Amino acid sequence: VVADSGPLIALARLELLRLLPSHFDEVLVPDEVF
């Protein structure tokens, strides 16, 4: 999956970024989004 900033920030604020690898084998974040 490719992540945009909104969901990354939302999951980070919820302290749930750890959920991403449990649903996707690879998570890509464009440099601009990071």
PDB file of all heavy atoms in Angstrom:
ATOM      1  N   VAL A   1       0.857  -1.178   0.000  1.00  0.00           N
ATOM      2  CA  VAL A   1       0.000   0.000   0.000  1.00  0.00           C
ATOM      3  C   VAL A   1       0.895   1.231   0.000  1.00  0.00           C
ATOM      4  O   VAL A   1       2.023   1.192   0.508  1.00  0.00           O
ATOM      5  CB  VAL A   1      -0.955   0.007   1.218  1.00  0.00           C
ATOM      6  CG1 VAL A   1      -0.217   0.292   2.522  1.00  0.00           C
ATOM      7  CG2 VAL A   1      -2.092   0.998   1.035  1.00  0.00           C
ATOM      8  N   VAL A   2       0.387   2.316  -0.590  1.00  0.00           N
ATOM      9  CA  VAL A   2       1.085   3.604  -0.563  1.00  0.00           C
ATOM     10  C   VAL A   2       0.287   4.529   0.342  1.00  0.00           C
ATOM     11  O   VAL A   2      -0.919   4.716   0.129  1.00  0.00           O
ATOM     12  CB  VAL A   2       1.208   4.215  -1.971  1.00  0.00           C
ATOM     13  CG1 VAL A   2       1.830   5.598  -1.886  1.00  0.00           C
ATOM     14  CG2 VAL A   2       2.020   3.311  -2.879  1.00  0.00           C
ATOM     15  N   ALA A   3       0.937   5.106   1.337  1.00  0.00           N
ATOM     16  CA  ALA A   3       0.243   5.927   2.321  1.00  0.00           C
ATOM     17  C   ALA A   3       0.367   7.419   2.039  1.00  0.00           C
ATOM     18  O   ALA A   3       1.436   7.906   1.689  1.00  0.00           O
ATOM     19  CB  ALA A   3       0.779   5.629   3.714  1.00  0.00           C
ATOM     20  N   ASP A   4      -0.747   8.111   2.230  1.00  0.00           N
ATOM     21  CA  ASP A   4      -0.784   9.565   2.210  1.00  0.00           C
ATOM     22  C   ASP A   4      -0.657  10.057   3.653  1.00  0.00           C
ATOM     23  O   ASP A   4      -0.769   9.270   4.605  1.00  0.00           O
ATOM     24  CB  ASP A   4      -2.101  10.038   1.569  1.00  0.00           C
ATOM     25  CG  ASP A   4      -2.138  11.546   1.364  1.00  0.00           C
ATOM     26  OD1 ASP A   4      -1.069  12.151   1.176  1.00  0.00           O
ATOM     27  OD2 ASP A   4      -3.240  12.120   1.393  1.00  0.00           O
ATOM     28  N   SER A   5      -0.469  11.340   3.824  1.00  0.00           N
ATOM     29  CA  SER A   5      -0.189  11.889   5.148  1.00  0.00           C
ATOM     30  C   SER A   5      -1.357  11.782   6.128  1.00  0.00           C
ATOM     31  O   SER A   5      -1.140  11.484   7.302  1.00  0.00           O
ATOM     32  CB  SER A   5       0.275  13.341   5.040  1.00  0.00           C
ATOM     33  OG  SER A   5      -0.705  14.122   4.398  1.00  0.00           O
ATOM     34  N   GLY A   6      -2.583  12.004   5.684  1.00  0.00           N
ATOM     35  CA  GLY A   6      -3.724  11.993   6.604  1.00  0.00           C
ATOM     36  C   GLY A   6      -3.827  10.713   7.411  1.00  0.00           C
ATOM     37  O   GLY A   6      -3.858  10.751   8.651  1.00  0.00           O
ATOM     38  N   PRO A   7      -3.893   9.558   6.755  1.00  0.00           N
ATOM     39  CA  PRO A   7      -3.972   8.316   7.514  1.00  0.00           C
ATOM     40  C   PRO A   7      -2.736   8.039   8.377  1.00  0.00           C
ATOM     41  O   PRO A   7      -2.862   7.522   9.489  1.00  0.00           O
ATOM     42  CB  PRO A   7      -4.127   7.246   6.427  1.00  0.00           C
ATOM     43  CG  PRO A   7      -4.748   7.979   5.286  1.00  0.00           C
ATOM     44  CD  PRO A   7      -4.135   9.353   5.332  1.00  0.00           C
ATOM     45  N   LEU A   8      -1.551   8.396   7.875  1.00  0.00           N
ATOM     46  CA  LEU A   8      -0.344   8.196   8.690  1.00  0.00           C
ATOM     47  C   LEU A   8      -0.427   9.001   9.977  1.00  0.00           C
ATOM     48  O   LEU A   8      -0.135   8.493  11.061  1.00  0.00           O
ATOM     49  CB  LEU A   8       0.912   8.615   7.918  1.00  0.00           C
ATOM     50  CG  LEU A   8       1.532   7.631   6.962  1.00  0.00           C
ATOM     51  CD1 LEU A   8       2.793   8.219   6.344  1.00  0.00           C
ATOM     52  CD2 LEU A   8       1.858   6.317   7.634  1.00  0.00           C
ATOM     53  N   ILE A   9      -0.822  10.257   9.850  1.00  0.00           N
ATOM     54  CA  ILE A   9      -0.919  11.118  11.026  1.00  0.00           C
ATOM     55  C   ILE A   9      -2.001  10.607  11.969  1.00  0.00           C
ATOM     56  O   ILE A   9      -1.798  10.544  13.190  1.00  0.00           O
ATOM     57  CB  ILE A   9      -1.180  12.584  10.607  1.00  0.00           C
ATOM     58  CG1 ILE A   9       0.051  13.145   9.890  1.00  0.00           C
ATOM     59  CG2 ILE A   9      -1.554  13.440  11.820  1.00  0.00           C
ATOM     60  CD1 ILE A   9      -0.187  14.458   9.162  1.00  0.00           C
ATOM     61  N   ALA A  10      -3.150  10.225  11.427  1.00  0.00           N
ATOM     62  CA  ALA A  10      -4.241   9.721  12.270  1.00  0.00           C
ATOM     63  C   ALA A  10      -3.799   8.480  13.046  1.00  0.00           C
ATOM     64  O   ALA A  10      -4.002   8.389  14.262  1.00  0.00           O
ATOM     65  CB  ALA A  10      -5.464   9.417  11.411  1.00  0.00           C
ATOM     66  N   LEU A  11      -3.197   7.526  12.354  1.00  0.00           N
ATOM     67  CA  LEU A  11      -2.755   6.306  13.029  1.00  0.00           C
ATOM     68  C   LEU A  11      -1.629   6.587  14.018  1.00  0.00           C
ATOM     69  O   LEU A  11      -1.577   5.979  15.093  1.00  0.00           O
ATOM     70  CB  LEU A  11      -2.328   5.260  11.998  1.00  0.00           C
ATOM     71  CG  LEU A  11      -3.466   4.699  11.148  1.00  0.00           C
ATOM     72  CD1 LEU A  11      -2.912   3.850  10.007  1.00  0.00           C
ATOM     73  CD2 LEU A  11      -4.452   3.905  11.992  1.00  0.00           C
ATOM     74  N   ALA A  12      -0.753   7.524  13.684  1.00  0.00           N
ATOM     75  CA  ALA A  12       0.325   7.891  14.613  1.00  0.00           C
ATOM     76  C   ALA A  12      -0.246   8.511  15.879  1.00  0.00           C
ATOM     77  O   ALA A  12       0.172   8.171  16.986  1.00  0.00           O
ATOM     78  CB  ALA A  12       1.298   8.855  13.942  1.00  0.00           C
ATOM     79  N   ARG A  13      -1.211   9.406  15.730  1.00  0.00           N
ATOM     80  CA  ARG A  13      -1.821  10.043  16.905  1.00  0.00           C
ATOM     81  C   ARG A  13      -2.552   9.034  17.778  1.00  0.00           C
ATOM     82  O   ARG A  13      -2.621   9.208  18.992  1.00  0.00           O
ATOM     83  CB  ARG A  13      -2.756  11.157  16.472  1.00  0.00           C
ATOM     84  CG  ARG A  13      -2.012  12.368  15.967  1.00  0.00           C
ATOM     85  CD  ARG A  13      -2.945  13.466  15.571  1.00  0.00           C
ATOM     86  NE  ARG A  13      -2.211  14.671  15.243  1.00  0.00           N
ATOM     87  CZ  ARG A  13      -2.779  15.817  14.943  1.00  0.00           C
ATOM     88  NH1 ARG A  13      -4.092  15.927  14.919  1.00  0.00           N
ATOM     89  NH2 ARG A  13      -2.039  16.871  14.661  1.00  0.00           N
ATOM     90  N   LEU A  14      -3.104   8.001  17.149  1.00  0.00           N
ATOM     91  CA  LEU A  14      -3.771   6.946  17.906  1.00  0.00           C
ATOM     92  C   LEU A  14      -2.786   5.918  18.451  1.00  0.00           C
ATOM     93  O   LEU A  14      -3.181   4.982  19.141  1.00  0.00           O
ATOM     94  CB  LEU A  14      -4.792   6.225  17.016  1.00  0.00           C
ATOM     95  CG  LEU A  14      -6.005   7.023  16.569  1.00  0.00           C
ATOM     96  CD1 LEU A  14      -6.798   6.254  15.532  1.00  0.00           C
ATOM     97  CD2 LEU A  14      -6.879   7.397  17.761  1.00  0.00           C
ATOM     98  N   GLU A  15      -1.504   6.085  18.105  1.00  0.00           N
ATOM     99  CA  GLU A  15      -0.454   5.133  18.476  1.00  0.00           C
ATOM    100  C   GLU A  15      -0.749   3.752  17.896  1.00  0.00           C
ATOM    101  O   GLU A  15      -0.549   2.724  18.538  1.00  0.00           O
ATOM    102  CB  GLU A  15      -0.255   5.089  19.982  1.00  0.00           C
ATOM    103  CG  GLU A  15       0.167   6.439  20.557  1.00  0.00           C
ATOM    104  CD  GLU A  15       0.340   6.447  22.067  1.00  0.00           C
ATOM    105  OE1 GLU A  15       0.307   5.363  22.692  1.00  0.00           O
ATOM    106  OE2 GLU A  15       0.517   7.546  22.612  1.00  0.00           O
ATOM    107  N   LEU A  16      -1.209   3.744  16.627  1.00  0.00           N
ATOM    108  CA  LEU A  16      -1.586   2.495  15.971  1.00  0.00           C
ATOM    109  C   LEU A  16      -0.897   2.287  14.616  1.00  0.00           C
ATOM    110  O   LEU A  16      -1.396   1.533  13.778  1.00  0.00           O
ATOM    111  CB  LEU A  16      -3.108   2.437  15.801  1.00  0.00           C
ATOM    112  CG  LEU A  16      -3.920   2.294  17.087  1.00  0.00           C
ATOM    113  CD1 LEU A  16      -5.411   2.382  16.797  1.00  0.00           C
ATOM    114  CD2 LEU A  16      -3.581   0.993  17.805  1.00  0.00           C
ATOM    115  N   LEU A  17       0.224   2.931  14.399  1.00  0.00           N
ATOM    116  CA  LEU A  17       0.955   2.692  13.155  1.00  0.00           C
ATOM    117  C   LEU A  17       1.322   1.213  13.006  1.00  0.00           C
ATOM    118  O   LEU A  17       1.441   0.708  11.892  1.00  0.00           O
ATOM    119  CB  LEU A  17       2.221   3.549  13.090  1.00  0.00           C
ATOM    120  CG  LEU A  17       2.005   5.010  12.734  1.00  0.00           C
ATOM    121  CD1 LEU A  17       3.288   5.813  12.955  1.00  0.00           C
ATOM    122  CD2 LEU A  17       1.520   5.164  11.307  1.00  0.00           C
ATOM    123  N   ARG A  18       1.441   0.520  14.113  1.00  0.00           N
ATOM    124  CA  ARG A  18       1.786  -0.900  14.104  1.00  0.00           C
ATOM    125  C   ARG A  18       0.761  -1.748  13.351  1.00  0.00           C
ATOM    126  O   ARG A  18       1.036  -2.888  12.971  1.00  0.00           O
ATOM    127  CB  ARG A  18       1.934  -1.423  15.525  1.00  0.00           C
ATOM    128  CG  ARG A  18       0.620  -1.368  16.301  1.00  0.00           C
ATOM    129  CD  ARG A  18       0.721  -1.901  17.712  1.00  0.00           C
ATOM    130  NE  ARG A  18      -0.400  -1.529  18.520  1.00  0.00           N
ATOM    131  CZ  ARG A  18      -1.644  -2.018  18.417  1.00  0.00           C
ATOM    132  NH1 ARG A  18      -1.907  -2.926  17.509  1.00  0.00           N
ATOM    133  NH2 ARG A  18      -2.602  -1.619  19.222  1.00  0.00           N
ATOM    134  N   LEU A  19      -0.436  -1.189  13.128  1.00  0.00           N
ATOM    135  CA  LEU A  19      -1.466  -1.947  12.412  1.00  0.00           C
ATOM    136  C   LEU A  19      -1.130  -2.133  10.938  1.00  0.00           C
ATOM    137  O   LEU A  19      -1.566  -3.104  10.317  1.00  0.00           O
ATOM    138  CB  LEU A  19      -2.825  -1.246  12.522  1.00  0.00           C
ATOM    139  CG  LEU A  19      -3.438  -1.143  13.911  1.00  0.00           C
ATOM    140  CD1 LEU A  19      -4.728  -0.335  13.850  1.00  0.00           C
ATOM    141  CD2 LEU A  19      -3.675  -2.531  14.502  1.00  0.00           C
ATOM    142  N   LEU A  20      -0.395  -1.190  10.367  1.00  0.00           N
ATOM    143  CA  LEU A  20      -0.149  -1.240   8.920  1.00  0.00           C
ATOM    144  C   LEU A  20       0.520  -2.535   8.457  1.00  0.00           C
ATOM    145  O   LEU A  20       0.042  -3.162   7.519  1.00  0.00           O
ATOM    146  CB  LEU A  20       0.635  -0.008   8.469  1.00  0.00           C
ATOM    147  CG  LEU A  20      -0.147   1.304   8.541  1.00  0.00           C
ATOM    148  CD1 LEU A  20       0.751   2.485   8.209  1.00  0.00           C
ATOM    149  CD2 LEU A  20      -1.356   1.262   7.616  1.00  0.00           C
ATOM    150  N   PRO A  21       1.612  -2.974   9.094  1.00  0.00           N
ATOM    151  CA  PRO A  21       2.234  -4.212   8.613  1.00  0.00           C
ATOM    152  C   PRO A  21       1.376  -5.456   8.846  1.00  0.00           C
ATOM    153  O   PRO A  21       1.587  -6.481   8.204  1.00  0.00           O
ATOM    154  CB  PRO A  21       3.543  -4.308   9.385  1.00  0.00           C
ATOM    155  CG  PRO A  21       3.643  -3.122  10.233  1.00  0.00           C
ATOM    156  CD  PRO A  21       2.397  -2.315  10.109  1.00  0.00           C
ATOM    157  N   SER A  22       0.381  -5.366   9.725  1.00  0.00           N
ATOM    158  CA  SER A  22      -0.483  -6.529   9.923  1.00  0.00           C
ATOM    159  C   SER A  22      -1.518  -6.647   8.807  1.00  0.00           C
ATOM    160  O   SER A  22      -2.140  -7.687   8.644  1.00  0.00           O
ATOM    161  CB  SER A  22      -1.158  -6.486  11.297  1.00  0.00           C
ATOM    162  OG  SER A  22      -2.010  -5.374  11.403  1.00  0.00           O
ATOM    163  N   HIS A  23      -1.674  -5.586   8.018  1.00  0.00           N
ATOM    164  CA  HIS A  23      -2.637  -5.601   6.918  1.00  0.00           C
ATOM    165  C   HIS A  23      -1.973  -5.567   5.542  1.00  0.00           C
ATOM    166  O   HIS A  23      -2.611  -5.916   4.549  1.00  0.00           O
ATOM    167  CB  HIS A  23      -3.610  -4.423   7.037  1.00  0.00           C
ATOM    168  CG  HIS A  23      -4.445  -4.510   8.275  1.00  0.00           C
ATOM    169  ND1 HIS A  23      -5.471  -5.406   8.417  1.00  0.00           N
ATOM    170  CD2 HIS A  23      -4.376  -3.829   9.438  1.00  0.00           C
ATOM    171  CE1 HIS A  23      -6.003  -5.272   9.610  1.00  0.00           C
ATOM    172  NE2 HIS A  23      -5.363  -4.324  10.253  1.00  0.00           N
ATOM    173  N   PHE A  24      -0.726  -5.122   5.494  1.00  0.00           N
ATOM    174  CA  PHE A  24      -0.024  -4.989   4.218  1.00  0.00           C
ATOM    175  C   PHE A  24       1.390  -5.530   4.375  1.00  0.00           C
ATOM    176  O   PHE A  24       2.051  -5.244   5.361  1.00  0.00           O
ATOM    177  CB  PHE A  24       0.037  -3.522   3.779  1.00  0.00           C
ATOM    178  CG  PHE A  24      -1.314  -2.875   3.683  1.00  0.00           C
ATOM    179  CD1 PHE A  24      -1.770  -2.041   4.690  1.00  0.00           C
ATOM    180  CD2 PHE A  24      -2.139  -3.112   2.588  1.00  0.00           C
ATOM    181  CE1 PHE A  24      -3.019  -1.451   4.612  1.00  0.00           C
ATOM    182  CE2 PHE A  24      -3.386  -2.527   2.504  1.00  0.00           C
ATOM    183  CZ  PHE A  24      -3.833  -1.694   3.512  1.00  0.00           C
ATOM    184  N   ASP A  25       1.853  -6.269   3.371  1.00  0.00           N
ATOM    185  CA  ASP A  25       3.198  -6.821   3.448  1.00  0.00           C
ATOM    186  C   ASP A  25       4.266  -5.757   3.265  1.00  0.00           C
ATOM    187  O   ASP A  25       5.398  -5.927   3.700  1.00  0.00           O
ATOM    188  CB  ASP A  25       3.397  -7.961   2.447  1.00  0.00           C
ATOM    189  CG  ASP A  25       3.159  -7.543   1.008  1.00  0.00           C
ATOM    190  OD1 ASP A  25       2.614  -6.459   0.773  1.00  0.00           O
ATOM    191  OD2 ASP A  25       3.517  -8.321   0.105  1.00  0.00           O
ATOM    192  N   GLU A  26       3.900  -4.653   2.633  1.00  0.00           N
ATOM    193  CA  GLU A  26       4.848  -3.559   2.420  1.00  0.00           C
ATOM    194  C   GLU A  26       4.083  -2.245   2.434  1.00  0.00           C
ATOM    195  O   GLU A  26       3.011  -2.138   1.848  1.00  0.00           O
ATOM    196  CB  GLU A  26       5.547  -3.751   1.072  1.00  0.00           C
ATOM    197  CG  GLU A  26       6.698  -2.817   0.823  1.00  0.00           C
ATOM    198  CD  GLU A  26       7.422  -3.145  -0.485  1.00  0.00           C
ATOM    199  OE1 GLU A  26       7.000  -4.049  -1.224  1.00  0.00           O
ATOM    200  OE2 GLU A  26       8.409  -2.452  -0.763  1.00  0.00           O
ATOM    201  N   VAL A  27       4.648  -1.254   3.120  1.00  0.00           N
ATOM    202  CA  VAL A  27       4.049   0.079   3.183  1.00  0.00           C
ATOM    203  C   VAL A  27       5.056   1.063   2.599  1.00  0.00           C
ATOM    204  O   VAL A  27       6.194   1.151   3.067  1.00  0.00           O
ATOM    205  CB  VAL A  27       3.691   0.482   4.634  1.00  0.00           C
ATOM    206  CG1 VAL A  27       3.081   1.877   4.672  1.00  0.00           C
ATOM    207  CG2 VAL A  27       2.749  -0.547   5.261  1.00  0.00           C
ATOM    208  N   LEU A  28       4.629   1.769   1.552  1.00  0.00           N
ATOM    209  CA  LEU A  28       5.476   2.774   0.909  1.00  0.00           C
ATOM    210  C   LEU A  28       4.942   4.156   1.237  1.00  0.00           C
ATOM    211  O   LEU A  28       3.726   4.384   1.230  1.00  0.00           O
ATOM    212  CB  LEU A  28       5.480   2.573  -0.605  1.00  0.00           C
ATOM    213  CG  LEU A  28       5.917   1.202  -1.106  1.00  0.00           C
ATOM    214  CD1 LEU A  28       5.803   1.132  -2.626  1.00  0.00           C
ATOM    215  CD2 LEU A  28       7.330   0.886  -0.654  1.00  0.00           C
ATOM    216  N   VAL A  29       5.855   5.068   1.508  1.00  0.00           N
ATOM    217  CA  VAL A  29       5.499   6.450   1.805  1.00  0.00           C
ATOM    218  C   VAL A  29       6.329   7.347   0.897  1.00  0.00           C
ATOM    219  O   VAL A  29       7.568   7.328   0.980  1.00  0.00           O
ATOM    220  CB  VAL A  29       5.769   6.796   3.286  1.00  0.00           C
ATOM    221  CG1 VAL A  29       5.501   8.262   3.570  1.00  0.00           C
ATOM    222  CG2 VAL A  29       4.924   5.907   4.205  1.00  0.00           C
ATOM    223  N   PRO A  30       5.680   8.113   0.026  1.00  0.00           N
ATOM    224  CA  PRO A  30       6.445   9.048  -0.807  1.00  0.00           C
ATOM    225  C   PRO A  30       7.221  10.039   0.061  1.00  0.00           C
ATOM    226  O   PRO A  30       6.759  10.435   1.146  1.00  0.00           O
ATOM    227  CB  PRO A  30       5.369   9.768  -1.623  1.00  0.00           C
ATOM    228  CG  PRO A  30       4.209   8.834  -1.622  1.00  0.00           C
ATOM    229  CD  PRO A  30       4.249   8.147  -0.287  1.00  0.00           C
ATOM    230  N   ASP A  31       8.396  10.430  -0.412  1.00  0.00           N
ATOM    231  CA  ASP A  31       9.210  11.400   0.329  1.00  0.00           C
ATOM    232  C   ASP A  31       8.416  12.659   0.680  1.00  0.00           C
ATOM    233  O   ASP A  31       8.556  13.199   1.776  1.00  0.00           O
ATOM    234  CB  ASP A  31      10.450  11.793  -0.480  1.00  0.00           C
ATOM    235  CG  ASP A  31      11.472  10.677  -0.580  1.00  0.00           C
ATOM    236  OD1 ASP A  31      11.435   9.736   0.248  1.00  0.00           O
ATOM    237  OD2 ASP A  31      12.311  10.741  -1.498  1.00  0.00           O
ATOM    238  N   GLU A  32       7.567  13.130  -0.258  1.00  0.00           N
ATOM    239  CA  GLU A  32       6.762  14.339  -0.007  1.00  0.00           C
ATOM    240  C   GLU A  32       5.812  14.141   1.167  1.00  0.00           C
ATOM    241  O   GLU A  32       5.601  15.043   1.971  1.00  0.00           O
ATOM    242  CB  GLU A  32       5.943  14.724  -1.251  1.00  0.00           C
ATOM    243  CG  GLU A  32       6.766  15.219  -2.406  1.00  0.00           C
ATOM    244  CD  GLU A  32       7.230  14.097  -3.337  1.00  0.00           C
ATOM    245  OE1 GLU A  32       7.187  12.912  -2.946  1.00  0.00           O
ATOM    246  OE2 GLU A  32       7.649  14.421  -4.455  1.00  0.00           O
ATOM    247  N   VAL A  33       5.225  12.956   1.263  1.00  0.00           N
ATOM    248  CA  VAL A  33       4.310  12.652   2.358  1.00  0.00           C
ATOM    249  C   VAL A  33       5.080  12.598   3.674  1.00  0.00           C
ATOM    250  O   VAL A  33       4.645  13.176   4.686  1.00  0.00           O
ATOM    251  CB  VAL A  33       3.563  11.322   2.093  1.00  0.00           C
ATOM    252  CG1 VAL A  33       2.814  10.857   3.328  1.00  0.00           C
ATOM    253  CG2 VAL A  33       2.622  11.485   0.901  1.00  0.00           C
ATOM    254  N   PHE A  34       6.221  11.933   3.672  1.00  0.00           N
ATOM    255  CA  PHE A  34       7.031  11.858   4.888  1.00  0.00           C
ATOM    256  C   PHE A  34       7.412  13.259   5.357  1.00  0.00           C
ATOM    257  O   PHE A  34       7.319  13.566   6.549  1.00  0.00           O
ATOM    258  CB  PHE A  34       8.275  11.003   4.651  1.00  0.00           C
ATOM    259  CG  PHE A  34       9.107  10.825   5.881  1.00  0.00           C
ATOM    260  CD1 PHE A  34       8.701   9.968   6.886  1.00  0.00           C
ATOM    261  CD2 PHE A  34      10.295  11.527   6.034  1.00  0.00           C
ATOM    262  CE1 PHE A  34       9.464   9.814   8.038  1.00  0.00           C
ATOM    263  CE2 PHE A  34      11.066  11.377   7.173  1.00  0.00           C
ATOM    264  CZ  PHE A  34      10.647  10.518   8.176  1.00  0.00           C
TER     265      PHE A  34
END
